[in-house]
N, C-alpha and C. Protein backbone atom coordinates (compact mmCIF):
# COMPACT_ATOMS: atom_id res chain seq x y z
N UNK A 1 19.97 -28.03 -69.26
CA UNK A 1 19.73 -29.18 -70.30
C UNK A 1 20.71 -28.86 -71.19
N UNK A 2 20.68 -27.49 -72.19
CA UNK A 2 21.60 -27.36 -72.87
C UNK A 2 23.39 -27.32 -73.14
N UNK A 3 23.26 -27.17 -71.41
CA UNK A 3 24.97 -26.92 -71.17
C UNK A 3 25.29 -28.49 -70.92
N UNK A 4 24.71 -29.35 -70.56
CA UNK A 4 24.93 -30.80 -70.36
C UNK A 4 24.94 -31.58 -71.49
N UNK A 5 24.15 -31.17 -72.34
CA UNK A 5 24.04 -31.60 -73.95
C UNK A 5 25.81 -31.24 -74.93
N UNK A 6 25.93 -30.29 -74.53
CA UNK A 6 26.87 -29.72 -75.12
C UNK A 6 28.33 -30.32 -74.31
N UNK A 7 28.36 -30.02 -73.60
CA UNK A 7 28.89 -31.11 -72.47
C UNK A 7 29.68 -32.50 -72.83
N UNK A 8 28.40 -33.01 -72.94
CA UNK A 8 28.32 -34.57 -73.34
C UNK A 8 29.36 -34.78 -74.55
N UNK A 9 28.80 -34.01 -75.57
CA UNK A 9 29.21 -33.86 -76.96
C UNK A 9 30.42 -33.73 -77.21
N UNK A 10 30.92 -32.73 -76.32
CA UNK A 10 32.36 -31.77 -76.50
C UNK A 10 33.72 -32.24 -75.65
N UNK A 11 33.21 -33.12 -74.63
CA UNK A 11 34.21 -33.44 -73.44
C UNK A 11 34.19 -34.74 -73.28
N UNK A 12 35.58 -35.28 -72.86
CA UNK A 12 35.29 -36.69 -72.20
C UNK A 12 35.99 -36.73 -70.39
N UNK A 13 35.41 -37.29 -69.76
CA UNK A 13 35.42 -37.59 -68.49
C UNK A 13 36.09 -38.70 -68.10
N UNK A 14 37.58 -38.75 -67.58
CA UNK A 14 38.44 -39.81 -67.65
C UNK A 14 38.55 -40.11 -65.79
N UNK A 15 38.69 -40.88 -65.35
CA UNK A 15 38.54 -41.44 -63.62
C UNK A 15 40.07 -42.33 -63.62
N UNK A 16 41.25 -42.13 -62.62
CA UNK A 16 41.94 -42.88 -62.17
C UNK A 16 41.81 -43.24 -60.69
N UNK A 17 42.01 -44.27 -60.48
CA UNK A 17 42.20 -44.82 -58.76
C UNK A 17 43.76 -44.97 -58.66
N UNK A 18 43.68 -44.24 -57.42
CA UNK A 18 44.95 -44.28 -56.50
C UNK A 18 45.07 -45.10 -55.76
N UNK A 19 46.48 -45.86 -55.10
CA UNK A 19 46.16 -46.44 -53.80
C UNK A 19 46.45 -45.56 -52.93
N UNK A 20 45.76 -45.60 -51.62
CA UNK A 20 46.07 -44.58 -50.35
C UNK A 20 46.90 -44.60 -49.91
N UNK A 21 47.68 -46.05 -49.64
CA UNK A 21 49.29 -45.90 -48.97
C UNK A 21 50.32 -45.67 -49.98
N UNK A 22 50.29 -46.30 -50.99
CA UNK A 22 51.35 -46.68 -52.01
C UNK A 22 51.11 -45.54 -53.28
N UNK A 23 50.43 -44.97 -53.51
CA UNK A 23 50.36 -43.49 -53.88
C UNK A 23 50.43 -42.27 -53.61
N UNK A 24 50.41 -42.02 -52.05
CA UNK A 24 50.33 -41.15 -51.16
C UNK A 24 50.99 -39.74 -51.29
N UNK A 25 52.14 -40.17 -52.03
CA UNK A 25 53.01 -38.66 -52.44
C UNK A 25 51.91 -38.30 -53.61
N UNK A 26 51.72 -39.55 -54.54
CA UNK A 26 50.84 -38.58 -55.72
C UNK A 26 49.61 -38.02 -55.46
N UNK A 27 48.65 -38.76 -54.64
CA UNK A 27 47.74 -37.94 -54.38
C UNK A 27 48.02 -36.52 -53.48
N UNK A 28 48.88 -36.32 -52.69
CA UNK A 28 49.47 -35.42 -51.88
C UNK A 28 49.86 -34.26 -52.98
N UNK A 29 50.58 -34.27 -53.84
CA UNK A 29 50.87 -33.55 -54.70
C UNK A 29 49.95 -32.86 -55.38
N UNK A 30 49.13 -33.94 -56.17
CA UNK A 30 47.95 -33.67 -57.05
C UNK A 30 47.30 -32.63 -56.40
N UNK A 31 46.67 -32.74 -55.19
CA UNK A 31 45.69 -32.11 -54.03
C UNK A 31 46.65 -30.76 -54.42
N UNK A 32 47.36 -30.59 -54.40
CA UNK A 32 48.30 -29.00 -53.92
C UNK A 32 48.26 -28.36 -55.22
N UNK A 33 47.90 -29.01 -56.70
CA UNK A 33 47.85 -28.04 -57.71
C UNK A 33 46.48 -27.47 -57.59
N UNK A 34 46.36 -26.28 -57.91
CA UNK A 34 45.53 -25.16 -58.09
C UNK A 34 44.40 -26.11 -58.91
N UNK A 35 45.13 -26.32 -60.51
CA UNK A 35 43.95 -26.65 -61.74
C UNK A 35 44.37 -27.95 -61.65
N UNK A 36 44.13 -29.26 -61.44
CA UNK A 36 44.47 -30.61 -61.57
C UNK A 36 44.32 -31.00 -63.16
N UNK A 37 43.43 -30.35 -63.73
CA UNK A 37 42.83 -30.85 -65.16
C UNK A 37 44.52 -29.84 -65.99
N UNK A 38 44.44 -29.08 -66.18
CA UNK A 38 45.64 -28.20 -66.37
C UNK A 38 47.07 -28.55 -66.10
N UNK A 39 47.17 -29.31 -64.96
CA UNK A 39 48.52 -29.97 -64.37
C UNK A 39 48.68 -31.40 -65.41
N UNK A 40 47.67 -31.93 -65.35
CA UNK A 40 47.87 -33.37 -65.76
C UNK A 40 48.10 -33.38 -67.31
N UNK A 41 47.19 -32.27 -68.02
CA UNK A 41 47.19 -32.13 -69.61
C UNK A 41 48.59 -31.07 -70.03
N UNK A 42 49.50 -30.57 -69.09
CA UNK A 42 50.58 -30.26 -69.16
C UNK A 42 51.37 -31.55 -69.15
N UNK A 43 51.69 -32.22 -68.09
CA UNK A 43 52.50 -33.18 -68.28
C UNK A 43 52.38 -34.39 -69.53
N UNK A 44 51.13 -34.40 -69.62
CA UNK A 44 50.75 -35.68 -71.18
C UNK A 44 51.59 -34.79 -72.27
N UNK A 45 51.32 -33.43 -72.48
CA UNK A 45 51.74 -32.78 -73.58
C UNK A 45 53.32 -33.01 -73.57
N UNK A 46 54.02 -32.07 -72.05
CA UNK A 46 55.36 -32.19 -72.19
C UNK A 46 55.91 -33.78 -72.74
N UNK A 47 55.29 -34.85 -71.99
CA UNK A 47 56.10 -36.03 -72.32
C UNK A 47 55.23 -36.42 -73.93
N UNK A 48 54.51 -35.88 -74.59
CA UNK A 48 54.40 -36.11 -76.00
C UNK A 48 55.34 -35.62 -77.01
N UNK A 49 55.37 -34.36 -76.43
CA UNK A 49 56.23 -33.73 -76.94
C UNK A 49 57.91 -33.91 -77.11
N UNK A 50 58.48 -34.88 -75.72
CA UNK A 50 59.82 -35.22 -76.10
C UNK A 50 59.97 -36.77 -76.51
N UNK A 51 58.67 -36.93 -76.89
CA UNK A 51 58.91 -37.81 -77.76
C UNK A 51 58.44 -38.20 -79.24
N UNK A 52 58.47 -36.93 -79.56
CA UNK A 52 58.38 -36.00 -80.99
C UNK A 52 56.81 -36.04 -81.07
N UNK A 53 55.92 -36.40 -80.45
CA UNK A 53 54.46 -36.25 -81.06
C UNK A 53 54.07 -34.96 -81.02
N UNK A 54 53.52 -34.54 -82.15
CA UNK A 54 53.02 -33.32 -82.16
C UNK A 54 51.09 -33.16 -82.21
N UNK A 55 50.90 -32.24 -81.35
CA UNK A 55 49.44 -31.69 -80.93
C UNK A 55 48.71 -31.37 -81.85
N UNK A 56 47.49 -32.34 -82.48
CA UNK A 56 46.98 -32.30 -83.41
C UNK A 56 45.88 -30.74 -83.36
């Protein structure tokens, strides 16, 4: 119960919907990543950095 309370207060869950046919390459690539969260987080931070945005 306490773990769930902490998780709800300190994390955000995001969902994306991909098309099986047109996004097949993306789906396959993502499923090859050992840690999808770290992979996506890294891509976003790299993009933010390339645009001159700093991490808070």
